[in-house]
Amino acid sequence: MCRSVQKNPNYQQVDVACDMIHDDGDFFGYARRIVSIPYFKGAVAVTDLAVYPLEYRDDKDVINDKAVAQGKLYMGLRDDSYREYEGVAIRDGNRGTFHVSGRVMISSKAFRLYAQDDGVSLNPDVPSHKVLGAVEELTDEQYAICDSVLLGLAFEQEDMASFCIGSASGIRVERGSLQRPGCWTPRPSDSSWR
């Protein structure tokens, strides 16, 4: 939900402050992401801008319903977990993208400890940043503005990254995979089994 617009005096652009619900590993609540609209000459259709009000979309109800569903998915996936992931990920600090096909660890806390910055700040001392704490149920309006990415580690690439919510799934364990040669199989007689 975008609440304020200001002209950036240092660059030829307009910065739009968009409020969102975000988990940064330390706090869960309202945060702010800045989206910049570069300077342009003449007139441009509002729908060609990087960000614009939902009311200008013909399919605004469909988009809102998708955003609510994605927000509910975000709330279900934001806790520390291991996932399968197939898709594009963004390197920490927005250092480019890379393809991930394999296991990832979802952990906002680890991302905050070991990565650079994902461009989203949540500071409980800022009046517009309201920490939600342990919320039983969000409203549909709150679900609609939940973050669209999960933060964590791509194991194969050994890189911290932001992952698209729709590309994360539960880990598939094939039947008998722990019985394959080279896999450790615990036995009651094994000293590490205790």
N, C-alpha and C. Protein backbone atom coordinates (compact mmCIF):
# COMPACT_ATOMS: atom_id res chain seq x y z
N MET A 1 0.85 -1.15 0.00
CA MET A 1 0.00 0.00 0.00
C MET A 1 0.91 1.23 0.00
N CYS A 2 0.84 2.01 -1.04
CA CYS A 2 1.69 3.19 -1.17
C CYS A 2 1.01 4.38 -0.51
N ARG A 3 1.74 5.02 0.38
CA ARG A 3 1.14 6.09 1.16
C ARG A 3 1.70 7.48 0.86
N SER A 4 2.92 7.58 0.42
CA SER A 4 3.47 8.91 0.22
C SER A 4 4.37 8.95 -1.01
N VAL A 5 4.42 10.12 -1.59
CA VAL A 5 5.24 10.35 -2.77
C VAL A 5 6.06 11.60 -2.52
N GLN A 6 7.33 11.56 -2.86
CA GLN A 6 8.15 12.76 -2.74
C GLN A 6 9.17 12.81 -3.87
N LYS A 7 9.46 14.00 -4.30
CA LYS A 7 10.47 14.17 -5.33
C LYS A 7 11.84 14.07 -4.68
N ASN A 8 12.70 13.28 -5.26
CA ASN A 8 14.04 13.12 -4.74
C ASN A 8 14.92 14.22 -5.32
N PRO A 9 15.42 15.15 -4.48
CA PRO A 9 16.20 16.27 -5.00
C PRO A 9 17.57 15.86 -5.55
N ASN A 10 18.09 14.70 -5.15
CA ASN A 10 19.41 14.27 -5.59
C ASN A 10 19.40 13.60 -6.97
N TYR A 11 18.25 13.11 -7.39
CA TYR A 11 18.14 12.40 -8.66
C TYR A 11 16.91 12.89 -9.40
N GLN A 12 16.86 12.63 -10.68
CA GLN A 12 15.69 13.00 -11.45
C GLN A 12 14.70 11.84 -11.40
N GLN A 13 14.02 11.74 -10.28
CA GLN A 13 13.05 10.67 -10.08
C GLN A 13 12.09 11.07 -8.96
N VAL A 14 11.01 10.32 -8.86
CA VAL A 14 10.07 10.48 -7.77
C VAL A 14 10.11 9.18 -6.97
N ASP A 15 10.23 9.29 -5.66
CA ASP A 15 10.26 8.11 -4.79
C ASP A 15 8.88 7.91 -4.18
N VAL A 16 8.37 6.70 -4.30
CA VAL A 16 7.07 6.34 -3.74
C VAL A 16 7.33 5.39 -2.58
N ALA A 17 6.86 5.76 -1.39
CA ALA A 17 7.04 4.92 -0.21
C ALA A 17 5.87 3.94 -0.12
N CYS A 18 6.18 2.66 -0.20
CA CYS A 18 5.16 1.62 -0.18
C CYS A 18 5.25 0.86 1.14
N ASP A 19 4.16 0.84 1.89
CA ASP A 19 4.11 0.10 3.14
C ASP A 19 3.79 -1.36 2.83
N MET A 20 4.40 -2.23 3.60
CA MET A 20 4.19 -3.66 3.42
C MET A 20 4.36 -4.37 4.76
N ILE A 21 3.87 -5.58 4.85
CA ILE A 21 4.09 -6.39 6.05
C ILE A 21 5.27 -7.30 5.76
N HIS A 22 6.25 -7.25 6.64
CA HIS A 22 7.56 -7.86 6.39
C HIS A 22 8.09 -8.50 7.67
N ASP A 23 8.83 -9.57 7.51
CA ASP A 23 9.53 -10.21 8.63
C ASP A 23 11.01 -10.08 8.35
N ASP A 24 11.71 -9.28 9.17
CA ASP A 24 13.14 -9.08 8.91
C ASP A 24 14.03 -9.95 9.79
N GLY A 25 13.43 -10.90 10.50
CA GLY A 25 14.20 -11.78 11.36
C GLY A 25 14.23 -11.32 12.80
N ASP A 26 14.13 -10.03 13.02
CA ASP A 26 14.06 -9.48 14.37
C ASP A 26 12.66 -8.99 14.70
N PHE A 27 12.02 -8.36 13.73
CA PHE A 27 10.69 -7.80 13.93
C PHE A 27 9.77 -8.26 12.82
N PHE A 28 8.49 -8.36 13.15
CA PHE A 28 7.45 -8.67 12.17
C PHE A 28 6.44 -7.54 12.24
N GLY A 29 6.20 -6.90 11.11
CA GLY A 29 5.23 -5.81 11.10
C GLY A 29 5.30 -5.00 9.83
N TYR A 30 4.86 -3.76 9.94
CA TYR A 30 4.84 -2.86 8.79
C TYR A 30 6.24 -2.33 8.52
N ALA A 31 6.65 -2.40 7.28
CA ALA A 31 7.94 -1.87 6.85
C ALA A 31 7.69 -1.01 5.62
N ARG A 32 8.73 -0.45 5.10
CA ARG A 32 8.60 0.46 3.96
C ARG A 32 9.62 0.10 2.89
N ARG A 33 9.16 0.03 1.66
CA ARG A 33 10.04 -0.18 0.50
C ARG A 33 9.85 1.04 -0.40
N ILE A 34 10.94 1.60 -0.85
CA ILE A 34 10.90 2.76 -1.75
C ILE A 34 10.97 2.27 -3.19
N VAL A 35 10.00 2.69 -3.99
CA VAL A 35 9.99 2.39 -5.42
C VAL A 35 10.18 3.71 -6.14
N SER A 36 11.17 3.76 -7.02
CA SER A 36 11.49 5.00 -7.73
C SER A 36 10.88 5.01 -9.13
N ILE A 37 10.31 6.14 -9.48
CA ILE A 37 9.81 6.36 -10.84
C ILE A 37 10.76 7.34 -11.50
N PRO A 38 11.51 6.88 -12.50
CA PRO A 38 12.49 7.76 -13.15
C PRO A 38 11.82 8.93 -13.87
N TYR A 39 12.58 9.99 -14.01
CA TYR A 39 12.11 11.18 -14.72
C TYR A 39 11.80 10.83 -16.18
N PHE A 40 10.76 11.42 -16.70
CA PHE A 40 10.43 11.26 -18.12
C PHE A 40 9.88 12.58 -18.63
N LYS A 41 10.04 12.80 -19.91
CA LYS A 41 9.53 14.01 -20.54
C LYS A 41 8.15 13.73 -21.12
N GLY A 42 7.30 14.73 -21.06
CA GLY A 42 5.98 14.59 -21.66
C GLY A 42 5.03 13.80 -20.80
N ALA A 43 4.01 13.24 -21.45
CA ALA A 43 2.98 12.48 -20.75
C ALA A 43 3.21 10.99 -20.94
N VAL A 44 2.92 10.23 -19.90
CA VAL A 44 3.03 8.78 -19.93
C VAL A 44 1.77 8.22 -19.29
N ALA A 45 1.25 7.15 -19.84
CA ALA A 45 0.08 6.51 -19.24
C ALA A 45 0.42 6.05 -17.82
N VAL A 46 -0.50 6.24 -16.90
CA VAL A 46 -0.23 5.88 -15.51
C VAL A 46 0.10 4.40 -15.39
N THR A 47 -0.47 3.58 -16.25
CA THR A 47 -0.21 2.13 -16.20
C THR A 47 1.17 1.75 -16.71
N ASP A 48 1.91 2.70 -17.28
CA ASP A 48 3.29 2.44 -17.72
C ASP A 48 4.32 2.76 -16.64
N LEU A 49 3.87 3.30 -15.51
CA LEU A 49 4.78 3.65 -14.42
C LEU A 49 5.18 2.40 -13.63
N ALA A 50 6.27 2.48 -12.90
CA ALA A 50 6.76 1.35 -12.11
C ALA A 50 5.78 0.96 -11.01
N VAL A 51 5.05 1.92 -10.49
CA VAL A 51 4.05 1.68 -9.46
C VAL A 51 2.92 2.68 -9.67
N TYR A 52 1.69 2.20 -9.50
CA TYR A 52 0.54 3.09 -9.64
C TYR A 52 -0.63 2.48 -8.86
N PRO A 53 -1.65 3.29 -8.55
CA PRO A 53 -2.77 2.80 -7.74
C PRO A 53 -3.53 1.65 -8.41
N LEU A 54 -3.95 0.70 -7.60
CA LEU A 54 -4.70 -0.46 -8.07
C LEU A 54 -6.01 -0.05 -8.74
N GLU A 55 -6.57 1.06 -8.33
CA GLU A 55 -7.85 1.51 -8.88
C GLU A 55 -7.80 1.76 -10.39
N TYR A 56 -6.62 1.91 -10.95
CA TYR A 56 -6.48 2.13 -12.39
C TYR A 56 -6.44 0.83 -13.18
N ARG A 57 -6.56 -0.30 -12.52
CA ARG A 57 -6.55 -1.60 -13.20
C ARG A 57 -7.98 -2.07 -13.42
N ASP A 58 -8.26 -2.61 -14.59
CA ASP A 58 -9.58 -3.17 -14.87
C ASP A 58 -9.79 -4.45 -14.05
N ASP A 59 -8.71 -5.18 -13.80
CA ASP A 59 -8.79 -6.44 -13.07
C ASP A 59 -8.37 -6.30 -11.61
N LYS A 60 -8.70 -5.15 -11.01
CA LYS A 60 -8.23 -4.87 -9.65
C LYS A 60 -8.72 -5.90 -8.63
N ASP A 61 -9.94 -6.42 -8.80
CA ASP A 61 -10.45 -7.41 -7.84
C ASP A 61 -9.68 -8.72 -7.95
N VAL A 62 -9.35 -9.13 -9.16
CA VAL A 62 -8.58 -10.36 -9.38
C VAL A 62 -7.18 -10.20 -8.78
N ILE A 63 -6.55 -9.06 -9.03
CA ILE A 63 -5.21 -8.81 -8.50
C ILE A 63 -5.23 -8.77 -6.98
N ASN A 64 -6.25 -8.13 -6.40
CA ASN A 64 -6.35 -8.08 -4.95
C ASN A 64 -6.53 -9.48 -4.37
N ASP A 65 -7.38 -10.30 -5.00
CA ASP A 65 -7.57 -11.68 -4.52
C ASP A 65 -6.27 -12.48 -4.59
N LYS A 66 -5.50 -12.30 -5.66
CA LYS A 66 -4.20 -12.98 -5.78
C LYS A 66 -3.23 -12.49 -4.71
N ALA A 67 -3.25 -11.19 -4.43
CA ALA A 67 -2.36 -10.63 -3.40
C ALA A 67 -2.72 -11.17 -2.02
N VAL A 68 -4.01 -11.31 -1.73
CA VAL A 68 -4.45 -11.86 -0.45
C VAL A 68 -4.00 -13.32 -0.34
N ALA A 69 -4.19 -14.10 -1.40
CA ALA A 69 -3.76 -15.51 -1.39
C ALA A 69 -2.24 -15.62 -1.21
N GLN A 70 -1.49 -14.75 -1.89
CA GLN A 70 -0.03 -14.76 -1.76
C GLN A 70 0.38 -14.36 -0.35
N GLY A 71 -0.33 -13.41 0.26
CA GLY A 71 -0.05 -13.00 1.63
C GLY A 71 -0.27 -14.14 2.62
N LYS A 72 -1.31 -14.92 2.39
CA LYS A 72 -1.57 -16.07 3.26
C LYS A 72 -0.46 -17.12 3.09
N LEU A 73 -0.01 -17.29 1.86
CA LEU A 73 1.11 -18.20 1.61
C LEU A 73 2.37 -17.70 2.29
N TYR A 74 2.64 -16.40 2.22
CA TYR A 74 3.80 -15.80 2.88
C TYR A 74 3.75 -16.09 4.38
N MET A 75 2.60 -15.90 4.98
CA MET A 75 2.48 -16.12 6.42
C MET A 75 2.75 -17.59 6.77
N GLY A 76 2.40 -18.50 5.89
CA GLY A 76 2.64 -19.91 6.14
C GLY A 76 4.08 -20.35 5.90
N LEU A 77 4.81 -19.57 5.11
CA LEU A 77 6.18 -19.95 4.75
C LEU A 77 7.27 -19.14 5.44
N ARG A 78 6.92 -18.08 6.15
CA ARG A 78 7.94 -17.15 6.64
C ARG A 78 8.76 -17.69 7.80
N ASP A 79 8.29 -18.71 8.49
CA ASP A 79 9.07 -19.29 9.59
C ASP A 79 10.27 -20.04 9.04
N ASP A 80 11.32 -20.18 9.87
CA ASP A 80 12.52 -20.90 9.45
C ASP A 80 12.15 -22.31 8.99
N SER A 81 12.60 -22.67 7.79
CA SER A 81 12.30 -23.99 7.25
C SER A 81 13.23 -24.30 6.09
N TYR A 82 13.21 -25.55 5.68
CA TYR A 82 13.94 -25.98 4.49
C TYR A 82 12.92 -26.26 3.41
N ARG A 83 13.20 -25.82 2.20
CA ARG A 83 12.26 -25.94 1.09
C ARG A 83 12.96 -26.36 -0.19
N GLU A 84 12.17 -26.88 -1.11
CA GLU A 84 12.60 -27.06 -2.49
C GLU A 84 12.30 -25.75 -3.18
N TYR A 85 13.14 -25.36 -4.12
CA TYR A 85 12.91 -24.11 -4.84
C TYR A 85 13.31 -24.29 -6.28
N GLU A 86 12.47 -23.82 -7.16
CA GLU A 86 12.75 -23.86 -8.60
C GLU A 86 12.39 -22.50 -9.17
N GLY A 87 13.40 -21.73 -9.54
CA GLY A 87 13.13 -20.42 -10.11
C GLY A 87 14.27 -19.44 -9.91
N VAL A 88 13.97 -18.20 -10.20
CA VAL A 88 14.96 -17.13 -10.10
C VAL A 88 15.02 -16.62 -8.67
N ALA A 89 16.22 -16.33 -8.20
CA ALA A 89 16.43 -15.73 -6.89
C ALA A 89 17.25 -14.46 -7.08
N ILE A 90 17.11 -13.53 -6.13
CA ILE A 90 17.86 -12.27 -6.18
C ILE A 90 18.95 -12.33 -5.13
N ARG A 91 20.20 -12.14 -5.54
CA ARG A 91 21.32 -12.15 -4.60
C ARG A 91 21.15 -11.03 -3.57
N ASP A 92 21.65 -11.27 -2.37
CA ASP A 92 21.54 -10.25 -1.33
C ASP A 92 22.17 -8.94 -1.81
N GLY A 93 21.58 -7.84 -1.40
CA GLY A 93 22.07 -6.54 -1.82
C GLY A 93 21.73 -6.23 -3.26
N ASN A 94 20.76 -6.96 -3.83
CA ASN A 94 20.35 -6.77 -5.23
C ASN A 94 21.53 -6.84 -6.19
N ARG A 95 22.44 -7.81 -5.97
CA ARG A 95 23.62 -7.98 -6.82
C ARG A 95 23.33 -8.85 -8.03
N GLY A 96 22.13 -8.87 -8.49
CA GLY A 96 21.79 -9.66 -9.67
C GLY A 96 20.95 -10.87 -9.32
N THR A 97 20.59 -11.60 -10.35
CA THR A 97 19.75 -12.78 -10.18
C THR A 97 20.50 -14.04 -10.58
N PHE A 98 20.02 -15.17 -10.11
CA PHE A 98 20.56 -16.46 -10.50
C PHE A 98 19.46 -17.50 -10.40
N HIS A 99 19.62 -18.60 -11.11
CA HIS A 99 18.62 -19.66 -11.11
C HIS A 99 18.93 -20.66 -10.00
N VAL A 100 17.88 -21.05 -9.27
CA VAL A 100 18.02 -22.05 -8.21
C VAL A 100 17.12 -23.23 -8.55
N SER A 101 17.68 -24.41 -8.46
CA SER A 101 16.91 -25.63 -8.63
C SER A 101 17.41 -26.60 -7.57
N GLY A 102 16.79 -26.56 -6.41
CA GLY A 102 17.24 -27.41 -5.32
C GLY A 102 16.76 -26.90 -3.98
N ARG A 103 17.48 -27.27 -2.96
CA ARG A 103 17.05 -26.93 -1.60
C ARG A 103 17.54 -25.56 -1.16
N VAL A 104 16.67 -24.92 -0.39
CA VAL A 104 16.99 -23.61 0.18
C VAL A 104 16.58 -23.63 1.65
N MET A 105 17.20 -22.76 2.41
CA MET A 105 16.80 -22.55 3.80
C MET A 105 16.11 -21.20 3.85
N ILE A 106 14.88 -21.17 4.33
CA ILE A 106 14.16 -19.93 4.52
C ILE A 106 14.44 -19.47 5.95
N SER A 107 15.09 -18.33 6.10
CA SER A 107 15.39 -17.79 7.42
C SER A 107 15.71 -16.30 7.30
N SER A 108 14.75 -15.48 7.69
CA SER A 108 14.97 -14.03 7.68
C SER A 108 16.08 -13.65 8.65
N LYS A 109 16.12 -14.35 9.79
CA LYS A 109 17.14 -14.06 10.80
C LYS A 109 18.55 -14.32 10.25
N ALA A 110 18.76 -15.46 9.61
CA ALA A 110 20.07 -15.77 9.03
C ALA A 110 20.41 -14.76 7.93
N PHE A 111 19.42 -14.38 7.15
CA PHE A 111 19.66 -13.40 6.09
C PHE A 111 20.16 -12.09 6.69
N ARG A 112 19.54 -11.65 7.78
CA ARG A 112 19.96 -10.40 8.43
C ARG A 112 21.37 -10.51 8.99
N LEU A 113 21.73 -11.69 9.50
CA LEU A 113 23.06 -11.87 10.10
C LEU A 113 24.18 -11.92 9.07
N TYR A 114 23.94 -12.59 7.93
CA TYR A 114 25.02 -12.89 7.00
C TYR A 114 24.95 -12.17 5.67
N ALA A 115 23.85 -11.55 5.37
CA ALA A 115 23.71 -10.90 4.06
C ALA A 115 23.87 -9.40 4.17
N GLN A 116 23.85 -8.77 3.02
CA GLN A 116 23.85 -7.31 3.00
C GLN A 116 22.43 -6.85 3.30
N ASP A 117 21.89 -5.99 2.49
CA ASP A 117 20.57 -5.42 2.75
C ASP A 117 19.63 -5.76 1.62
N ASP A 118 18.37 -6.04 1.94
CA ASP A 118 17.40 -6.32 0.88
C ASP A 118 16.57 -5.09 0.54
N GLY A 119 16.93 -3.93 1.10
CA GLY A 119 16.26 -2.69 0.76
C GLY A 119 14.99 -2.43 1.54
N VAL A 120 14.65 -3.30 2.47
CA VAL A 120 13.45 -3.11 3.27
C VAL A 120 13.88 -2.91 4.71
N SER A 121 13.39 -1.85 5.31
CA SER A 121 13.75 -1.59 6.70
C SER A 121 12.51 -1.69 7.57
N LEU A 122 12.68 -2.24 8.75
CA LEU A 122 11.61 -2.28 9.74
C LEU A 122 12.23 -1.82 11.04
N ASN A 123 11.82 -0.67 11.49
CA ASN A 123 12.39 -0.07 12.68
C ASN A 123 11.25 0.32 13.62
N PRO A 124 11.12 -0.34 14.78
CA PRO A 124 10.00 -0.04 15.67
C PRO A 124 10.02 1.38 16.23
N ASP A 125 11.15 2.10 16.08
CA ASP A 125 11.21 3.48 16.55
C ASP A 125 10.63 4.47 15.55
N VAL A 126 10.37 4.01 14.32
CA VAL A 126 9.76 4.87 13.30
C VAL A 126 8.25 4.75 13.43
N PRO A 127 7.53 5.88 13.58
CA PRO A 127 6.09 5.83 13.81
C PRO A 127 5.29 5.03 12.77
N SER A 128 5.68 5.08 11.50
CA SER A 128 4.93 4.35 10.47
C SER A 128 5.23 2.85 10.48
N HIS A 129 6.27 2.43 11.22
CA HIS A 129 6.63 1.01 11.29
C HIS A 129 6.02 0.42 12.55
N LYS A 130 4.91 -0.23 12.40
CA LYS A 130 4.21 -0.81 13.54
C LYS A 130 4.55 -2.29 13.64
N VAL A 131 5.13 -2.70 14.75
CA VAL A 131 5.46 -4.10 14.98
C VAL A 131 4.17 -4.82 15.36
N LEU A 132 3.90 -5.93 14.68
CA LEU A 132 2.65 -6.65 14.90
C LEU A 132 2.77 -7.69 16.00
N GLY A 133 3.95 -8.25 16.22
CA GLY A 133 4.10 -9.27 17.25
C GLY A 133 3.40 -10.56 16.84
N ALA A 134 2.90 -11.29 17.81
CA ALA A 134 2.22 -12.56 17.54
C ALA A 134 0.77 -12.28 17.19
N VAL A 135 0.50 -12.19 15.91
CA VAL A 135 -0.85 -11.90 15.43
C VAL A 135 -1.54 -13.22 15.12
N GLU A 136 -2.76 -13.38 15.62
CA GLU A 136 -3.47 -14.62 15.34
C GLU A 136 -3.94 -14.67 13.89
N GLU A 137 -4.53 -13.61 13.40
CA GLU A 137 -5.05 -13.59 12.03
C GLU A 137 -4.96 -12.18 11.48
N LEU A 138 -4.44 -12.06 10.28
CA LEU A 138 -4.39 -10.77 9.62
C LEU A 138 -5.70 -10.54 8.88
N THR A 139 -5.99 -9.28 8.59
CA THR A 139 -7.15 -8.96 7.76
C THR A 139 -6.77 -9.18 6.30
N ASP A 140 -7.76 -9.23 5.42
CA ASP A 140 -7.47 -9.37 3.99
C ASP A 140 -6.65 -8.19 3.48
N GLU A 141 -6.90 -7.00 4.01
CA GLU A 141 -6.11 -5.83 3.60
C GLU A 141 -4.64 -6.00 3.99
N GLN A 142 -4.39 -6.58 5.16
CA GLN A 142 -3.02 -6.83 5.60
C GLN A 142 -2.37 -7.95 4.78
N TYR A 143 -3.13 -9.03 4.51
CA TYR A 143 -2.58 -10.10 3.67
C TYR A 143 -2.17 -9.56 2.30
N ALA A 144 -2.96 -8.63 1.76
CA ALA A 144 -2.70 -8.10 0.42
C ALA A 144 -1.39 -7.34 0.32
N ILE A 145 -0.87 -6.84 1.45
CA ILE A 145 0.38 -6.07 1.41
C ILE A 145 1.55 -6.82 2.05
N CYS A 146 1.39 -8.13 2.25
CA CYS A 146 2.52 -8.93 2.76
C CYS A 146 3.64 -8.95 1.72
N ASP A 147 4.86 -9.11 2.20
CA ASP A 147 6.03 -9.18 1.33
C ASP A 147 5.84 -10.28 0.29
N SER A 148 6.45 -10.10 -0.86
CA SER A 148 6.31 -11.07 -1.94
C SER A 148 7.52 -12.00 -2.06
N VAL A 149 8.50 -11.85 -1.17
CA VAL A 149 9.69 -12.70 -1.22
C VAL A 149 10.00 -13.28 0.16
N LEU A 150 10.69 -14.40 0.14
CA LEU A 150 11.20 -15.05 1.35
C LEU A 150 12.71 -14.89 1.35
N LEU A 151 13.29 -14.68 2.51
CA LEU A 151 14.73 -14.47 2.62
C LEU A 151 15.41 -15.73 3.13
N GLY A 152 16.60 -16.02 2.61
CA GLY A 152 17.30 -17.20 3.09
C GLY A 152 18.56 -17.52 2.31
N LEU A 153 18.91 -18.81 2.29
CA LEU A 153 20.16 -19.30 1.71
C LEU A 153 19.88 -20.33 0.63
N ALA A 154 20.51 -20.16 -0.53
CA ALA A 154 20.50 -21.18 -1.59
C ALA A 154 21.70 -22.08 -1.34
N PHE A 155 21.47 -23.34 -1.00
CA PHE A 155 22.56 -24.23 -0.60
C PHE A 155 23.58 -24.46 -1.72
N GLU A 156 23.11 -24.82 -2.91
CA GLU A 156 24.04 -25.16 -3.99
C GLU A 156 24.92 -23.98 -4.37
N GLN A 157 24.34 -22.78 -4.41
CA GLN A 157 25.11 -21.59 -4.78
C GLN A 157 25.85 -20.98 -3.59
N GLU A 158 25.52 -21.44 -2.38
CA GLU A 158 26.12 -20.91 -1.15
C GLU A 158 26.01 -19.39 -1.12
N ASP A 159 24.79 -18.90 -1.35
CA ASP A 159 24.56 -17.46 -1.42
C ASP A 159 23.25 -17.11 -0.75
N MET A 160 23.25 -16.02 0.00
CA MET A 160 22.02 -15.51 0.59
C MET A 160 21.21 -14.86 -0.51
N ALA A 161 19.88 -15.00 -0.43
CA ALA A 161 19.05 -14.51 -1.53
C ALA A 161 17.62 -14.27 -1.09
N SER A 162 16.88 -13.59 -1.97
CA SER A 162 15.43 -13.42 -1.84
C SER A 162 14.78 -14.38 -2.83
N PHE A 163 13.78 -15.12 -2.35
CA PHE A 163 13.12 -16.13 -3.16
C PHE A 163 11.65 -15.77 -3.38
N CYS A 164 11.17 -15.97 -4.58
CA CYS A 164 9.76 -15.73 -4.92
C CYS A 164 8.89 -16.74 -4.18
N ILE A 165 7.85 -16.27 -3.54
CA ILE A 165 6.99 -17.15 -2.75
C ILE A 165 6.41 -18.30 -3.56
N GLY A 166 5.95 -18.02 -4.76
CA GLY A 166 5.30 -19.03 -5.58
C GLY A 166 6.19 -20.16 -6.04
N SER A 167 7.50 -20.01 -5.91
CA SER A 167 8.44 -21.03 -6.39
C SER A 167 8.96 -21.94 -5.29
N ALA A 168 8.54 -21.70 -4.04
CA ALA A 168 8.99 -22.52 -2.91
C ALA A 168 7.96 -23.61 -2.63
N SER A 169 8.43 -24.81 -2.37
CA SER A 169 7.52 -25.91 -2.05
C SER A 169 8.14 -26.79 -0.98
N GLY A 170 7.35 -27.73 -0.48
CA GLY A 170 7.86 -28.66 0.51
C GLY A 170 8.93 -29.55 -0.09
N ILE A 171 9.78 -30.10 0.74
CA ILE A 171 10.85 -30.98 0.27
C ILE A 171 10.26 -32.34 -0.07
N ARG A 172 10.60 -32.82 -1.26
CA ARG A 172 10.16 -34.14 -1.69
C ARG A 172 11.20 -35.17 -1.25
N VAL A 173 10.76 -36.16 -0.52
CA VAL A 173 11.66 -37.24 -0.12
C VAL A 173 11.21 -38.49 -0.85
N GLU A 174 12.09 -39.03 -1.67
CA GLU A 174 11.75 -40.23 -2.43
C GLU A 174 11.80 -41.44 -1.51
N ARG A 175 10.90 -42.36 -1.75
CA ARG A 175 10.84 -43.58 -0.96
C ARG A 175 12.18 -44.33 -1.09
N GLY A 176 12.76 -44.68 0.02
CA GLY A 176 14.02 -45.41 0.01
C GLY A 176 15.26 -44.54 -0.16
N SER A 177 15.09 -43.23 -0.20
CA SER A 177 16.25 -42.37 -0.45
C SER A 177 17.27 -42.44 0.67
N LEU A 178 16.85 -42.75 1.88
CA LEU A 178 17.80 -42.85 3.00
C LEU A 178 18.49 -44.21 3.03
N GLN A 179 18.05 -45.14 2.19
CA GLN A 179 18.66 -46.47 2.15
C GLN A 179 19.70 -46.60 1.04
N ARG A 180 19.92 -45.55 0.27
CA ARG A 180 20.87 -45.61 -0.84
C ARG A 180 22.31 -45.70 -0.32
N PRO A 181 23.20 -46.32 -1.10
CA PRO A 181 24.61 -46.38 -0.70
C PRO A 181 25.17 -44.97 -0.49
N GLY A 182 25.95 -44.81 0.55
CA GLY A 182 26.55 -43.51 0.82
C GLY A 182 25.73 -42.67 1.78
N CYS A 183 24.49 -43.08 2.04
CA CYS A 183 23.66 -42.33 2.99
C CYS A 183 23.82 -42.96 4.37
N TRP A 184 23.87 -42.14 5.38
CA TRP A 184 23.98 -42.64 6.74
C TRP A 184 22.62 -43.16 7.17
N THR A 185 22.55 -44.40 7.60
CA THR A 185 21.32 -44.99 8.09
C THR A 185 21.51 -45.32 9.56
N PRO A 186 20.75 -44.67 10.44
CA PRO A 186 20.94 -44.92 11.88
C PRO A 186 20.53 -46.34 12.26
N ARG A 187 21.31 -46.93 13.14
CA ARG A 187 21.02 -48.25 13.67
C ARG A 187 21.11 -48.16 15.19
N PRO A 188 20.29 -48.92 15.88
CA PRO A 188 20.35 -48.88 17.34
C PRO A 188 21.73 -49.20 17.90
N SER A 189 22.54 -49.99 17.19
CA SER A 189 23.87 -50.33 17.69
C SER A 189 24.90 -49.24 17.40
N ASP A 190 24.56 -48.29 16.54
CA ASP A 190 25.47 -47.20 16.17
C ASP A 190 25.61 -46.26 17.37
N SER A 191 26.83 -45.89 17.74
CA SER A 191 27.06 -45.05 18.92
C SER A 191 26.46 -43.66 18.77
N SER A 192 26.28 -43.18 17.54
CA SER A 192 25.71 -41.84 17.37
C SER A 192 24.19 -41.86 17.45
N TRP A 193 23.60 -43.03 17.59
CA TRP A 193 22.15 -43.17 17.63
C TRP A 193 21.60 -42.78 18.99
N ARG A 194 22.38 -42.77 20.03
CA ARG A 194 21.90 -42.52 21.39
C ARG A 194 21.48 -41.12 21.60
